[in-house]
Protein backbone atom coordinates (compact mmCIF):
# COMPACT_ATOMS: atom_id res chain seq x y z
CA MET A 1 -0.16 0.05 -0.21
CA GLN A 2 1.41 3.47 -0.92
CA ASP A 3 1.38 6.38 1.81
CA THR A 4 -0.68 9.00 0.13
CA SER A 5 -0.45 11.34 3.39
CA THR A 6 2.21 13.94 1.32
CA PRO A 7 1.58 14.18 -2.25
CA ARG A 8 4.67 13.39 -4.55
CA ALA A 9 5.89 16.60 -5.94
CA GLN A 10 5.81 17.87 -2.00
CA GLN A 11 8.18 14.94 -0.90
CA PRO A 12 11.67 16.39 -0.41
CA HIS A 13 13.91 14.52 -2.90
CA HIS A 14 11.05 14.50 -5.87
CA PRO A 15 12.75 16.02 -9.26
CA LYS A 16 10.71 19.08 -9.09
CA ASN A 17 12.04 19.54 -5.34
CA LEU A 18 15.68 19.17 -6.44
CA LEU A 19 17.15 22.16 -8.51
CA SER A 20 20.60 21.94 -10.01
CA ARG A 21 23.28 24.42 -9.77
CA THR A 22 22.75 26.35 -12.82
CA GLU A 23 18.90 26.42 -11.87
CA VAL A 24 19.81 27.91 -8.46
CA CYS A 25 22.30 30.57 -9.64
CA ALA A 26 19.62 31.61 -12.49
CA GLU A 27 16.76 31.84 -9.58
CA LEU A 28 19.23 33.82 -7.44
CA GLY A 29 21.38 35.75 -9.33
CA ILE A 30 24.36 34.19 -8.30
CA SER A 31 27.59 32.75 -9.62
CA LYS A 32 28.39 29.20 -9.06
CA ARG A 33 31.27 30.02 -7.64
CA THR A 34 29.07 32.10 -4.81
CA LEU A 35 26.87 29.07 -4.28
CA ARG A 36 30.12 26.89 -3.83
CA ARG A 37 30.98 29.45 -1.00
CA TYR A 38 27.39 29.47 0.43
CA GLU A 39 27.66 25.59 0.39
CA LEU A 40 31.26 25.28 1.92
CA ALA A 41 30.16 28.11 4.45
CA GLY A 42 26.85 25.79 5.82
CA MET A 43 24.53 28.33 4.93
CA VAL A 44 22.86 25.47 2.32
CA SER A 45 23.33 21.97 1.62
CA SER A 46 23.43 19.43 -1.40
CA VAL A 47 22.45 16.55 -2.11
CA ARG A 48 24.60 14.35 -4.39
CA LEU A 49 22.83 12.35 -6.79
CA SER A 50 26.62 10.74 -8.53
CA LYS A 51 29.85 11.99 -8.54
CA ARG A 52 29.05 14.78 -10.98
CA SER A 53 25.29 15.54 -10.47
CA ILE A 54 24.78 17.83 -7.33
CA ARG A 55 21.12 18.80 -6.46
CA TYR A 56 19.79 21.52 -4.20
CA ARG A 57 16.43 20.98 -2.28
CA ARG A 58 14.08 24.13 -3.14
CA GLN A 59 12.89 23.94 0.67
CA ASP A 60 16.46 24.53 1.28
CA ILE A 61 17.05 27.14 -0.97
CA GLU A 62 13.78 29.03 0.20
CA GLN A 63 15.18 28.81 4.07
CA MET A 64 18.51 30.28 3.01
CA LEU A 65 16.56 32.85 1.39
CA ASN A 66 14.38 33.48 4.38
CA ARG A 67 17.71 33.95 6.79
CA PHE A 68 18.94 36.61 4.49
CA THR A 69 15.91 38.56 4.18
CA ALA A 70 15.43 38.45 8.03
CA GLY A 71 19.25 39.15 8.68
CA ALA A 72 18.59 42.13 6.23
CA ARG A 73 15.75 43.35 8.40
C-alpha cells in the first residue's frame, strides 16, 4: 500500500523539488562560485545524486533566502 499522506511533488527528493546548480544560480542571480561558497560555509546543503550530479532542495534554498531577508531587517 502506498503512503498518500504527502503528495509526491511535495516530498523533498521528488525531482520537482531538486534544483541543479545552474537553476539555483539563475533564480538567485548569483555565480556558481558564490553558491559553492554558501555551501562550504554551511548556509545551504546539497544532495549528491552521482559523482557529477549535485542538486539542491528547493526548501533549503527558500530557508536560506528567509535567513538572508530576516537578517537584512
